[in-house]
Amino acid sequence: MIFHIIYIGMETYVGKNFVQTSRGGFEFFTQGSGEPLCITHLYSEFNELGNYFADALIKHFKVYLINLKEAGNSDNVTCDDELSISESVKDLEAIKEALNYEQWSFAGHSFGFFRRNQ
């Protein structure tokens, strides 16, 4: 019962997208229009159901929910160092460039916020 209450009214995001970068392949989902806004998380994956945090922003931005390495259908790591905050920041920069953006806004979700501050 609680599960149904939690997901009522959530936005549906555009199906699975995949971008190949110099640092690997990454799955992402988009919704909204406007300036690009990246949202990521460390330990969980995003899907077409989106995220309440992100849903509040789609009226103002084109939101990119990005699954980093080891999340969703993004590439796996070859060594544990690839899961560090500094390496994840490099991954996000590579994703931004592969999507042809010079800059984008960032709204970290949960531990994703700490990635932004590196």
PDB file of N, CA and C in Angstrom:
ATOM      1  N   MET A   1       0.809  -1.184   0.000  1.00  0.00           N
ATOM      2  CA  MET A   1       0.000   0.000   0.000  1.00  0.00           C
ATOM      3  C   MET A   1       0.860   1.260   0.000  1.00  0.00           C
ATOM      4  N   ILE A   2       1.860   1.328   0.829  1.00  0.00           N
ATOM      5  CA  ILE A   2       2.721   2.509   0.884  1.00  0.00           C
ATOM      6  C   ILE A   2       3.416   2.724  -0.450  1.00  0.00           C
ATOM      7  N   PHE A   3       3.836   1.653  -1.093  1.00  0.00           N
ATOM      8  CA  PHE A   3       4.508   1.761  -2.387  1.00  0.00           C
ATOM      9  C   PHE A   3       3.650   2.533  -3.375  1.00  0.00           C
ATOM     10  N   HIS A   4       2.366   2.243  -3.432  1.00  0.00           N
ATOM     11  CA  HIS A   4       1.475   2.920  -4.367  1.00  0.00           C
ATOM     12  C   HIS A   4       1.338   4.401  -4.038  1.00  0.00           C
ATOM     13  N   ILE A   5       1.307   4.732  -2.786  1.00  0.00           N
ATOM     14  CA  ILE A   5       1.196   6.134  -2.394  1.00  0.00           C
ATOM     15  C   ILE A   5       2.459   6.893  -2.783  1.00  0.00           C
ATOM     16  N   ILE A   6       3.588   6.289  -2.604  1.00  0.00           N
ATOM     17  CA  ILE A   6       4.856   6.947  -2.913  1.00  0.00           C
ATOM     18  C   ILE A   6       4.952   7.299  -4.390  1.00  0.00           C
ATOM     19  N   TYR A   7       4.487   6.444  -5.273  1.00  0.00           N
ATOM     20  CA  TYR A   7       4.693   6.650  -6.698  1.00  0.00           C
ATOM     21  C   TYR A   7       3.542   7.328  -7.424  1.00  0.00           C
ATOM     22  N   ILE A   8       2.460   7.632  -6.794  1.00  0.00           N
ATOM     23  CA  ILE A   8       1.370   8.351  -7.447  1.00  0.00           C
ATOM     24  C   ILE A   8       1.854   9.750  -7.808  1.00  0.00           C
ATOM     25  N   GLY A   9       1.637  10.143  -9.048  1.00  0.00           N
ATOM     26  CA  GLY A   9       1.981  11.485  -9.477  1.00  0.00           C
ATOM     27  C   GLY A   9       3.415  11.673  -9.929  1.00  0.00           C
ATOM     28  N   MET A  10       4.230  10.655  -9.895  1.00  0.00           N
ATOM     29  CA  MET A  10       5.604  10.818 -10.359  1.00  0.00           C
ATOM     30  C   MET A  10       5.622  10.928 -11.873  1.00  0.00           C
ATOM     31  N   GLU A  11       6.521  11.721 -12.381  1.00  0.00           N
ATOM     32  CA  GLU A  11       6.669  11.895 -13.817  1.00  0.00           C
ATOM     33  C   GLU A  11       7.338  10.671 -14.424  1.00  0.00           C
ATOM     34  N   THR A  12       6.976  10.367 -15.663  1.00  0.00           N
ATOM     35  CA  THR A  12       7.647   9.297 -16.382  1.00  0.00           C
ATOM     36  C   THR A  12       8.750   9.925 -17.226  1.00  0.00           C
ATOM     37  N   TYR A  13       9.920   9.374 -17.139  1.00  0.00           N
ATOM     38  CA  TYR A  13      11.065   9.906 -17.873  1.00  0.00           C
ATOM     39  C   TYR A  13      11.222   9.179 -19.198  1.00  0.00           C
ATOM     40  N   VAL A  14      11.856   9.868 -20.139  1.00  0.00           N
ATOM     41  CA  VAL A  14      12.102   9.274 -21.442  1.00  0.00           C
ATOM     42  C   VAL A  14      12.922   8.016 -21.241  1.00  0.00           C
ATOM     43  N   GLY A  15      12.583   6.966 -21.984  1.00  0.00           N
ATOM     44  CA  GLY A  15      13.228   5.664 -21.844  1.00  0.00           C
ATOM     45  C   GLY A  15      14.734   5.702 -21.775  1.00  0.00           C
ATOM     46  N   LYS A  16      15.287   4.552 -21.626  1.00  0.00           N
ATOM     47  CA  LYS A  16      16.726   4.424 -21.425  1.00  0.00           C
ATOM     48  C   LYS A  16      17.504   5.062 -22.567  1.00  0.00           C
ATOM     49  N   ASN A  17      18.415   5.910 -22.198  1.00  0.00           N
ATOM     50  CA  ASN A  17      19.364   6.503 -23.136  1.00  0.00           C
ATOM     51  C   ASN A  17      20.740   6.012 -22.727  1.00  0.00           C
ATOM     52  N   PHE A  18      21.662   6.046 -23.663  1.00  0.00           N
ATOM     53  CA  PHE A  18      23.012   5.582 -23.381  1.00  0.00           C
ATOM     54  C   PHE A  18      23.985   6.499 -24.095  1.00  0.00           C
ATOM     55  N   VAL A  19      25.013   6.921 -23.391  1.00  0.00           N
ATOM     56  CA  VAL A  19      26.046   7.750 -23.997  1.00  0.00           C
ATOM     57  C   VAL A  19      27.397   7.075 -23.774  1.00  0.00           C
ATOM     58  N   GLN A  20      28.168   7.001 -24.846  1.00  0.00           N
ATOM     59  CA  GLN A  20      29.509   6.432 -24.775  1.00  0.00           C
ATOM     60  C   GLN A  20      30.498   7.581 -24.647  1.00  0.00           C
ATOM     61  N   THR A  21      31.370   7.513 -23.662  1.00  0.00           N
ATOM     62  CA  THR A  21      32.365   8.560 -23.442  1.00  0.00           C
ATOM     63  C   THR A  21      33.760   7.941 -23.466  1.00  0.00           C
ATOM     64  N   SER A  22      34.755   8.792 -23.340  1.00  0.00           N
ATOM     65  CA  SER A  22      36.135   8.309 -23.252  1.00  0.00           C
ATOM     66  C   SER A  22      36.368   7.538 -21.952  1.00  0.00           C
ATOM     67  N   ARG A  23      35.448   7.650 -21.002  1.00  0.00           N
ATOM     68  CA  ARG A  23      35.587   6.993 -19.698  1.00  0.00           C
ATOM     69  C   ARG A  23      34.615   5.838 -19.514  1.00  0.00           C
ATOM     70  N   GLY A  24      33.873   5.496 -20.551  1.00  0.00           N
ATOM     71  CA  GLY A  24      32.935   4.382 -20.467  1.00  0.00           C
ATOM     72  C   GLY A  24      31.552   4.767 -20.937  1.00  0.00           C
ATOM     73  N   GLY A  25      30.629   3.804 -20.833  1.00  0.00           N
ATOM     74  CA  GLY A  25      29.254   4.026 -21.255  1.00  0.00           C
ATOM     75  C   GLY A  25      28.351   4.247 -20.052  1.00  0.00           C
ATOM     76  N   PHE A  26      27.401   5.176 -20.205  1.00  0.00           N
ATOM     77  CA  PHE A  26      26.540   5.554 -19.089  1.00  0.00           C
ATOM     78  C   PHE A  26      25.081   5.623 -19.529  1.00  0.00           C
ATOM     79  N   GLU A  27      24.215   5.050 -18.703  1.00  0.00           N
ATOM     80  CA  GLU A  27      22.775   5.101 -18.917  1.00  0.00           C
ATOM     81  C   GLU A  27      22.227   6.375 -18.277  1.00  0.00           C
ATOM     82  N   PHE A  28      21.235   6.986 -18.950  1.00  0.00           N
ATOM     83  CA  PHE A  28      20.594   8.158 -18.360  1.00  0.00           C
ATOM     84  C   PHE A  28      19.155   8.268 -18.840  1.00  0.00           C
ATOM     85  N   PHE A  29      18.387   9.080 -18.122  1.00  0.00           N
ATOM     86  CA  PHE A  29      16.982   9.332 -18.422  1.00  0.00           C
ATOM     87  C   PHE A  29      16.772  10.839 -18.428  1.00  0.00           C
ATOM     88  N   THR A  30      15.877  11.335 -19.288  1.00  0.00           N
ATOM     89  CA  THR A  30      15.647  12.775 -19.372  1.00  0.00           C
ATOM     90  C   THR A  30      14.164  13.104 -19.255  1.00  0.00           C
ATOM     91  N   GLN A  31      13.914  14.341 -18.850  1.00  0.00           N
ATOM     92  CA  GLN A  31      12.560  14.878 -18.778  1.00  0.00           C
ATOM     93  C   GLN A  31      12.682  16.384 -18.641  1.00  0.00           C
ATOM     94  N   GLY A  32      11.697  17.103 -19.138  1.00  0.00           N
ATOM     95  CA  GLY A  32      11.663  18.550 -19.007  1.00  0.00           C
ATOM     96  C   GLY A  32      12.281  19.257 -20.194  1.00  0.00           C
ATOM     97  N   SER A  33      12.325  20.571 -20.091  1.00  0.00           N
ATOM     98  CA  SER A  33      12.936  21.385 -21.140  1.00  0.00           C
ATOM     99  C   SER A  33      13.609  22.579 -20.476  1.00  0.00           C
ATOM    100  N   GLY A  34      14.478  23.193 -21.217  1.00  0.00           N
ATOM    101  CA  GLY A  34      15.223  24.326 -20.679  1.00  0.00           C
ATOM    102  C   GLY A  34      16.696  23.997 -20.577  1.00  0.00           C
ATOM    103  N   GLU A  35      17.374  24.721 -19.724  1.00  0.00           N
ATOM    104  CA  GLU A  35      18.806  24.513 -19.523  1.00  0.00           C
ATOM    105  C   GLU A  35      19.051  23.125 -18.931  1.00  0.00           C
ATOM    106  N   PRO A  36      20.185  22.492 -19.282  1.00  0.00           N
ATOM    107  CA  PRO A  36      20.457  21.141 -18.775  1.00  0.00           C
ATOM    108  C   PRO A  36      20.808  21.133 -17.288  1.00  0.00           C
ATOM    109  N   LEU A  37      20.294  20.121 -16.596  1.00  0.00           N
ATOM    110  CA  LEU A  37      20.555  19.926 -15.175  1.00  0.00           C
ATOM    111  C   LEU A  37      20.876  18.461 -14.946  1.00  0.00           C
ATOM    112  N   CYS A  38      22.040  18.186 -14.423  1.00  0.00           N
ATOM    113  CA  CYS A  38      22.496  16.825 -14.136  1.00  0.00           C
ATOM    114  C   CYS A  38      22.165  16.464 -12.694  1.00  0.00           C
ATOM    115  N   ILE A  39      21.608  15.259 -12.503  1.00  0.00           N
ATOM    116  CA  ILE A  39      21.367  14.714 -11.167  1.00  0.00           C
ATOM    117  C   ILE A  39      21.931  13.306 -11.138  1.00  0.00           C
ATOM    118  N   THR A  40      22.657  12.985 -10.085  1.00  0.00           N
ATOM    119  CA  THR A  40      23.200  11.639  -9.948  1.00  0.00           C
ATOM    120  C   THR A  40      23.111  11.190  -8.493  1.00  0.00           C
ATOM    121  N   HIS A  41      23.437   9.936  -8.290  1.00  0.00           N
ATOM    122  CA  HIS A  41      23.367   9.312  -6.970  1.00  0.00           C
ATOM    123  C   HIS A  41      24.508   8.307  -6.922  1.00  0.00           C
ATOM    124  N   LEU A  42      25.003   8.008  -5.766  1.00  0.00           N
ATOM    125  CA  LEU A  42      26.125   7.072  -5.689  1.00  0.00           C
ATOM    126  C   LEU A  42      25.693   5.616  -5.692  1.00  0.00           C
ATOM    127  N   TYR A  43      24.778   5.235  -4.814  1.00  0.00           N
ATOM    128  CA  TYR A  43      24.547   3.815  -4.589  1.00  0.00           C
ATOM    129  C   TYR A  43      23.264   3.256  -5.177  1.00  0.00           C
ATOM    130  N   SER A  44      22.423   4.072  -5.745  1.00  0.00           N
ATOM    131  CA  SER A  44      21.188   3.531  -6.311  1.00  0.00           C
ATOM    132  C   SER A  44      21.082   3.936  -7.765  1.00  0.00           C
ATOM    133  N   GLU A  45      20.149   3.309  -8.461  1.00  0.00           N
ATOM    134  CA  GLU A  45      20.011   3.599  -9.880  1.00  0.00           C
ATOM    135  C   GLU A  45      18.699   4.310 -10.161  1.00  0.00           C
ATOM    136  N   PHE A  46      18.715   5.126 -11.199  1.00  0.00           N
ATOM    137  CA  PHE A  46      17.505   5.776 -11.679  1.00  0.00           C
ATOM    138  C   PHE A  46      16.862   4.893 -12.737  1.00  0.00           C
ATOM    139  N   ASN A  47      15.559   5.112 -12.971  1.00  0.00           N
ATOM    140  CA  ASN A  47      14.849   4.423 -14.047  1.00  0.00           C
ATOM    141  C   ASN A  47      13.777   5.357 -14.593  1.00  0.00           C
ATOM    142  N   GLU A  48      12.878   4.809 -15.421  1.00  0.00           N
ATOM    143  CA  GLU A  48      11.855   5.623 -16.065  1.00  0.00           C
ATOM    144  C   GLU A  48      10.890   6.280 -15.080  1.00  0.00           C
ATOM    145  N   LEU A  49      10.833   5.798 -13.849  1.00  0.00           N
ATOM    146  CA  LEU A  49       9.933   6.396 -12.861  1.00  0.00           C
ATOM    147  C   LEU A  49      10.444   7.729 -12.337  1.00  0.00           C
ATOM    148  N   GLY A  50      11.690   8.034 -12.601  1.00  0.00           N
ATOM    149  CA  GLY A  50      12.232   9.306 -12.167  1.00  0.00           C
ATOM    150  C   GLY A  50      12.546   9.340 -10.690  1.00  0.00           C
ATOM    151  N   ASN A  51      12.334  10.503 -10.089  1.00  0.00           N
ATOM    152  CA  ASN A  51      12.739  10.732  -8.714  1.00  0.00           C
ATOM    153  C   ASN A  51      12.014  11.984  -8.226  1.00  0.00           C
ATOM    154  N   TYR A  52      11.446  11.953  -7.032  1.00  0.00           N
ATOM    155  CA  TYR A  52      10.708  13.122  -6.533  1.00  0.00           C
ATOM    156  C   TYR A  52      11.565  14.381  -6.512  1.00  0.00           C
ATOM    157  N   PHE A  53      12.794  14.257  -6.121  1.00  0.00           N
ATOM    158  CA  PHE A  53      13.707  15.396  -6.103  1.00  0.00           C
ATOM    159  C   PHE A  53      13.811  16.000  -7.502  1.00  0.00           C
ATOM    160  N   ALA A  54      13.997  15.157  -8.506  1.00  0.00           N
ATOM    161  CA  ALA A  54      14.131  15.621  -9.885  1.00  0.00           C
ATOM    162  C   ALA A  54      12.812  16.144 -10.432  1.00  0.00           C
ATOM    163  N   ASP A  55      11.714  15.504 -10.072  1.00  0.00           N
ATOM    164  CA  ASP A  55      10.406  15.909 -10.592  1.00  0.00           C
ATOM    165  C   ASP A  55      10.088  17.367 -10.285  1.00  0.00           C
ATOM    166  N   ALA A  56      10.573  17.856  -9.173  1.00  0.00           N
ATOM    167  CA  ALA A  56      10.325  19.249  -8.802  1.00  0.00           C
ATOM    168  C   ALA A  56      11.076  20.221  -9.708  1.00  0.00           C
ATOM    169  N   LEU A  57      12.042  19.727 -10.467  1.00  0.00           N
ATOM    170  CA  LEU A  57      12.897  20.598 -11.276  1.00  0.00           C
ATOM    171  C   LEU A  57      12.581  20.566 -12.766  1.00  0.00           C
ATOM    172  N   ILE A  58      11.765  19.620 -13.230  1.00  0.00           N
ATOM    173  CA  ILE A  58      11.558  19.468 -14.678  1.00  0.00           C
ATOM    174  C   ILE A  58      10.754  20.602 -15.299  1.00  0.00           C
ATOM    175  N   LYS A  59      10.098  21.399 -14.506  1.00  0.00           N
ATOM    176  CA  LYS A  59       9.377  22.552 -15.055  1.00  0.00           C
ATOM    177  C   LYS A  59      10.331  23.673 -15.449  1.00  0.00           C
ATOM    178  N   HIS A  60      11.553  23.602 -14.960  1.00  0.00           N
ATOM    179  CA  HIS A  60      12.514  24.679 -15.180  1.00  0.00           C
ATOM    180  C   HIS A  60      13.761  24.248 -15.947  1.00  0.00           C
ATOM    181  N   PHE A  61      14.026  22.943 -16.001  1.00  0.00           N
ATOM    182  CA  PHE A  61      15.256  22.432 -16.604  1.00  0.00           C
ATOM    183  C   PHE A  61      14.982  21.186 -17.441  1.00  0.00           C
ATOM    184  N   LYS A  62      15.906  20.887 -18.334  1.00  0.00           N
ATOM    185  CA  LYS A  62      15.945  19.561 -18.941  1.00  0.00           C
ATOM    186  C   LYS A  62      16.793  18.721 -17.992  1.00  0.00           C
ATOM    187  N   VAL A  63      16.148  17.822 -17.278  1.00  0.00           N
ATOM    188  CA  VAL A  63      16.807  17.048 -16.231  1.00  0.00           C
ATOM    189  C   VAL A  63      17.414  15.779 -16.816  1.00  0.00           C
ATOM    190  N   TYR A  64      18.665  15.535 -16.482  1.00  0.00           N
ATOM    191  CA  TYR A  64      19.361  14.302 -16.837  1.00  0.00           C
ATOM    192  C   TYR A  64      19.590  13.509 -15.557  1.00  0.00           C
ATOM    193  N   LEU A  65      18.925  12.369 -15.430  1.00  0.00           N
ATOM    194  CA  LEU A  65      19.173  11.450 -14.314  1.00  0.00           C
ATOM    195  C   LEU A  65      20.231  10.475 -14.791  1.00  0.00           C
ATOM    196  N   ILE A  66      21.404  10.520 -14.221  1.00  0.00           N
ATOM    197  CA  ILE A  66      22.541   9.753 -14.730  1.00  0.00           C
ATOM    198  C   ILE A  66      22.910   8.632 -13.778  1.00  0.00           C
ATOM    199  N   ASN A  67      22.954   7.433 -14.328  1.00  0.00           N
ATOM    200  CA  ASN A  67      23.459   6.279 -13.584  1.00  0.00           C
ATOM    201  C   ASN A  67      24.963   6.217 -13.790  1.00  0.00           C
ATOM    202  N   LEU A  68      25.696   6.385 -12.712  1.00  0.00           N
ATOM    203  CA  LEU A  68      27.149   6.283 -12.790  1.00  0.00           C
ATOM    204  C   LEU A  68      27.565   4.815 -12.866  1.00  0.00           C
ATOM    205  N   LYS A  69      28.841   4.567 -12.915  1.00  0.00           N
ATOM    206  CA  LYS A  69      29.346   3.195 -13.039  1.00  0.00           C
ATOM    207  C   LYS A  69      28.793   2.301 -11.938  1.00  0.00           C
ATOM    208  N   GLU A  70      28.489   1.079 -12.313  1.00  0.00           N
ATOM    209  CA  GLU A  70      27.926   0.058 -11.423  1.00  0.00           C
ATOM    210  C   GLU A  70      26.448   0.277 -11.110  1.00  0.00           C
ATOM    211  N   ALA A  71      25.818   1.288 -11.687  1.00  0.00           N
ATOM    212  CA  ALA A  71      24.392   1.539 -11.454  1.00  0.00           C
ATOM    213  C   ALA A  71      23.619   1.362 -12.754  1.00  0.00           C
ATOM    214  N   GLY A  72      22.463   0.733 -12.671  1.00  0.00           N
ATOM    215  CA  GLY A  72      21.643   0.540 -13.864  1.00  0.00           C
ATOM    216  C   GLY A  72      22.407  -0.216 -14.925  1.00  0.00           C
ATOM    217  N   ASN A  73      22.312   0.270 -16.159  1.00  0.00           N
ATOM    218  CA  ASN A  73      23.003  -0.364 -17.284  1.00  0.00           C
ATOM    219  C   ASN A  73      24.280   0.363 -17.666  1.00  0.00           C
ATOM    220  N   SER A  74      24.785   1.213 -16.781  1.00  0.00           N
ATOM    221  CA  SER A  74      26.070   1.862 -17.036  1.00  0.00           C
ATOM    222  C   SER A  74      27.182   0.832 -16.889  1.00  0.00           C
ATOM    223  N   ASP A  75      28.338   1.159 -17.445  1.00  0.00           N
ATOM    224  CA  ASP A  75      29.465   0.230 -17.403  1.00  0.00           C
ATOM    225  C   ASP A  75      29.859  -0.116 -15.972  1.00  0.00           C
ATOM    226  N   ASN A  76      30.448  -1.271 -15.827  1.00  0.00           N
ATOM    227  CA  ASN A  76      31.028  -1.679 -14.550  1.00  0.00           C
ATOM    228  C   ASN A  76      32.442  -1.129 -14.445  1.00  0.00           C
ATOM    229  N   VAL A  77      32.965  -1.101 -13.244  1.00  0.00           N
ATOM    230  CA  VAL A  77      34.330  -0.636 -13.031  1.00  0.00           C
ATOM    231  C   VAL A  77      35.303  -1.789 -13.239  1.00  0.00           C
ATOM    232  N   THR A  78      36.542  -1.430 -13.539  1.00  0.00           N
ATOM    233  CA  THR A  78      37.589  -2.444 -13.646  1.00  0.00           C
ATOM    234  C   THR A  78      38.433  -2.484 -12.376  1.00  0.00           C
ATOM    235  N   CYS A  79      38.353  -1.405 -11.571  1.00  0.00           N
ATOM    236  CA  CYS A  79      39.019  -1.375 -10.267  1.00  0.00           C
ATOM    237  C   CYS A  79      38.219  -0.462  -9.342  1.00  0.00           C
ATOM    238  N   ASP A  80      38.325  -0.686  -8.054  1.00  0.00           N
ATOM    239  CA  ASP A  80      37.531   0.063  -7.077  1.00  0.00           C
ATOM    240  C   ASP A  80      37.797   1.565  -7.100  1.00  0.00           C
ATOM    241  N   ASP A  81      38.977   1.976  -7.532  1.00  0.00           N
ATOM    242  CA  ASP A  81      39.296   3.403  -7.574  1.00  0.00           C
ATOM    243  C   ASP A  81      38.338   4.177  -8.477  1.00  0.00           C
ATOM    244  N   GLU A  82      37.748   3.502  -9.463  1.00  0.00           N
ATOM    245  CA  GLU A  82      36.818   4.170 -10.374  1.00  0.00           C
ATOM    246  C   GLU A  82      35.534   4.611  -9.682  1.00  0.00           C
ATOM    247  N   LEU A  83      35.293   4.128  -8.472  1.00  0.00           N
ATOM    248  CA  LEU A  83      34.104   4.521  -7.717  1.00  0.00           C
ATOM    249  C   LEU A  83      34.364   5.703  -6.787  1.00  0.00           C
ATOM    250  N   SER A  84      35.575   6.237  -6.823  1.00  0.00           N
ATOM    251  CA  SER A  84      35.900   7.368  -5.950  1.00  0.00           C
ATOM    252  C   SER A  84      35.168   8.624  -6.419  1.00  0.00           C
ATOM    253  N   ILE A  85      35.063   9.560  -5.520  1.00  0.00           N
ATOM    254  CA  ILE A  85      34.395  10.811  -5.859  1.00  0.00           C
ATOM    255  C   ILE A  85      35.124  11.527  -6.988  1.00  0.00           C
ATOM    256  N   SER A  86      36.438  11.603  -6.908  1.00  0.00           N
ATOM    257  CA  SER A  86      37.182  12.334  -7.940  1.00  0.00           C
ATOM    258  C   SER A  86      37.030  11.684  -9.311  1.00  0.00           C
ATOM    259  N   GLU A  87      37.003  10.363  -9.374  1.00  0.00           N
ATOM    260  CA  GLU A  87      36.817   9.685 -10.662  1.00  0.00           C
ATOM    261  C   GLU A  87      35.388   9.856 -11.178  1.00  0.00           C
ATOM    262  N   SER A  88      34.430   9.882 -10.273  1.00  0.00           N
ATOM    263  CA  SER A  88      33.036  10.099 -10.682  1.00  0.00           C
ATOM    264  C   SER A  88      32.842  11.497 -11.258  1.00  0.00           C
ATOM    265  N   VAL A  89      33.524  12.482 -10.687  1.00  0.00           N
ATOM    266  CA  VAL A  89      33.463  13.838 -11.230  1.00  0.00           C
ATOM    267  C   VAL A  89      34.014  13.845 -12.651  1.00  0.00           C
ATOM    268  N   LYS A  90      35.100  13.137 -12.886  1.00  0.00           N
ATOM    269  CA  LYS A  90      35.662  13.040 -14.240  1.00  0.00           C
ATOM    270  C   LYS A  90      34.673  12.358 -15.181  1.00  0.00           C
ATOM    271  N   ASP A  91      33.976  11.338 -14.689  1.00  0.00           N
ATOM    272  CA  ASP A  91      32.955  10.667 -15.507  1.00  0.00           C
ATOM    273  C   ASP A  91      31.850  11.647 -15.897  1.00  0.00           C
ATOM    274  N   LEU A  92      31.387  12.442 -14.938  1.00  0.00           N
ATOM    275  CA  LEU A  92      30.323  13.406 -15.221  1.00  0.00           C
ATOM    276  C   LEU A  92      30.781  14.467 -16.219  1.00  0.00           C
ATOM    277  N   GLU A  93      32.018  14.884 -16.128  1.00  0.00           N
ATOM    278  CA  GLU A  93      32.556  15.836 -17.105  1.00  0.00           C
ATOM    279  C   GLU A  93      32.588  15.211 -18.498  1.00  0.00           C
ATOM    280  N   ALA A  94      32.982  13.949 -18.587  1.00  0.00           N
ATOM    281  CA  ALA A  94      33.015  13.258 -19.878  1.00  0.00           C
ATOM    282  C   ALA A  94      31.603  13.103 -20.447  1.00  0.00           C
ATOM    283  N   ILE A  95      30.636  12.825 -19.599  1.00  0.00           N
ATOM    284  CA  ILE A  95      29.243  12.708 -20.042  1.00  0.00           C
ATOM    285  C   ILE A  95      28.754  14.053 -20.571  1.00  0.00           C
ATOM    286  N   LYS A  96      29.025  15.112 -19.834  1.00  0.00           N
ATOM    287  CA  LYS A  96      28.626  16.462 -20.256  1.00  0.00           C
ATOM    288  C   LYS A  96      29.183  16.780 -21.635  1.00  0.00           C
ATOM    289  N   GLU A  97      30.449  16.490 -21.846  1.00  0.00           N
ATOM    290  CA  GLU A  97      31.084  16.762 -23.137  1.00  0.00           C
ATOM    291  C   GLU A  97      30.498  15.889 -24.243  1.00  0.00           C
ATOM    292  N   ALA A  98      30.239  14.611 -23.950  1.00  0.00           N
ATOM    293  CA  ALA A  98      29.672  13.703 -24.952  1.00  0.00           C
ATOM    294  C   ALA A  98      28.259  14.124 -25.355  1.00  0.00           C
ATOM    295  N   LEU A  99      27.549  14.787 -24.460  1.00  0.00           N
ATOM    296  CA  LEU A  99      26.205  15.290 -24.765  1.00  0.00           C
ATOM    297  C   LEU A  99      26.251  16.687 -25.389  1.00  0.00           C
ATOM    298  N   ASN A 100      27.461  17.156 -25.689  1.00  0.00           N
ATOM    299  CA  ASN A 100      27.701  18.439 -26.359  1.00  0.00           C
ATOM    300  C   ASN A 100      27.273  19.657 -25.544  1.00  0.00           C
ATOM    301  N   TYR A 101      27.489  19.590 -24.244  1.00  0.00           N
ATOM    302  CA  TYR A 101      27.246  20.752 -23.392  1.00  0.00           C
ATOM    303  C   TYR A 101      28.579  21.309 -22.927  1.00  0.00           C
ATOM    304  N   GLU A 102      28.707  22.633 -23.005  1.00  0.00           N
ATOM    305  CA  GLU A 102      29.881  23.278 -22.431  1.00  0.00           C
ATOM    306  C   GLU A 102      29.740  23.388 -20.923  1.00  0.00           C
ATOM    307  N   GLN A 103      28.503  23.571 -20.468  1.00  0.00           N
ATOM    308  CA  GLN A 103      28.234  23.636 -19.035  1.00  0.00           C
ATOM    309  C   GLN A 103      26.818  23.149 -18.774  1.00  0.00           C
ATOM    310  N   TRP A 104      26.571  22.743 -17.536  1.00  0.00           N
ATOM    311  CA  TRP A 104      25.231  22.390 -17.086  1.00  0.00           C
ATOM    312  C   TRP A 104      25.166  22.617 -15.593  1.00  0.00           C
ATOM    313  N   SER A 105      23.981  22.719 -15.097  1.00  0.00           N
ATOM    314  CA  SER A 105      23.810  22.841 -13.655  1.00  0.00           C
ATOM    315  C   SER A 105      23.841  21.453 -13.049  1.00  0.00           C
ATOM    316  N   PHE A 106      24.107  21.392 -11.764  1.00  0.00           N
ATOM    317  CA  PHE A 106      24.184  20.104 -11.084  1.00  0.00           C
ATOM    318  C   PHE A 106      23.400  20.175  -9.785  1.00  0.00           C
ATOM    319  N   ALA A 107      22.583  19.167  -9.566  1.00  0.00           N
ATOM    320  CA  ALA A 107      21.842  19.048  -8.309  1.00  0.00           C
ATOM    321  C   ALA A 107      22.085  17.640  -7.792  1.00  0.00           C
ATOM    322  N   GLY A 108      22.967  17.508  -6.832  1.00  0.00           N
ATOM    323  CA  GLY A 108      23.289  16.188  -6.313  1.00  0.00           C
ATOM    324  C   GLY A 108      22.185  15.646  -5.435  1.00  0.00           C
ATOM    325  N   HIS A 109      21.884  14.386  -5.594  1.00  0.00           N
ATOM    326  CA  HIS A 109      20.878  13.712  -4.779  1.00  0.00           C
ATOM    327  C   HIS A 109      21.595  12.800  -3.800  1.00  0.00           C
ATOM    328  N   SER A 110      21.343  12.960  -2.519  1.00  0.00           N
ATOM    329  CA  SER A 110      21.945  12.138  -1.484  1.00  0.00           C
ATOM    330  C   SER A 110      23.464  12.257  -1.584  1.00  0.00           C
ATOM    331  N   PHE A 111      24.169  11.144  -1.728  1.00  0.00           N
ATOM    332  CA  PHE A 111      25.625  11.207  -1.798  1.00  0.00           C
ATOM    333  C   PHE A 111      26.096  11.874  -3.083  1.00  0.00           C
ATOM    334  N   GLY A 112      25.255  11.933  -4.098  1.00  0.00           N
ATOM    335  CA  GLY A 112      25.610  12.628  -5.327  1.00  0.00           C
ATOM    336  C   GLY A 112      25.967  14.078  -5.089  1.00  0.00           C
ATOM    337  N   PHE A 113      25.410  14.675  -4.029  1.00  0.00           N
ATOM    338  CA  PHE A 113      25.728  16.056  -3.694  1.00  0.00           C
ATOM    339  C   PHE A 113      27.205  16.215  -3.374  1.00  0.00           C
ATOM    340  N   PHE A 114      27.778  15.244  -2.683  1.00  0.00           N
ATOM    341  CA  PHE A 114      29.190  15.321  -2.331  1.00  0.00           C
ATOM    342  C   PHE A 114      30.064  15.254  -3.574  1.00  0.00           C
ATOM    343  N   ARG A 115      29.629  14.540  -4.585  1.00  0.00           N
ATOM    344  CA  ARG A 115      30.382  14.471  -5.839  1.00  0.00           C
ATOM    345  C   ARG A 115      30.490  15.852  -6.462  1.00  0.00           C
ATOM    346  N   ARG A 116      29.417  16.595  -6.387  1.00  0.00           N
ATOM    347  CA  ARG A 116      29.377  17.922  -6.972  1.00  0.00           C
ATOM    348  C   ARG A 116      30.393  18.846  -6.314  1.00  0.00           C
ATOM    349  N   ASN A 117      30.614  18.659  -5.049  1.00  0.00           N
ATOM    350  CA  ASN A 117      31.471  19.562  -4.295  1.00  0.00           C
ATOM    351  C   ASN A 117      32.946  19.207  -4.375  1.00  0.00           C
ATOM    352  N   GLN A 118      33.316  18.314  -5.240  1.00  0.00           N
ATOM    353  CA  GLN A 118      34.720  17.947  -5.395  1.00  0.00           C
ATOM    354  C   GLN A 118      35.368  18.787  -6.468  1.00  0.00           C
TER     355      GLN A 118
END
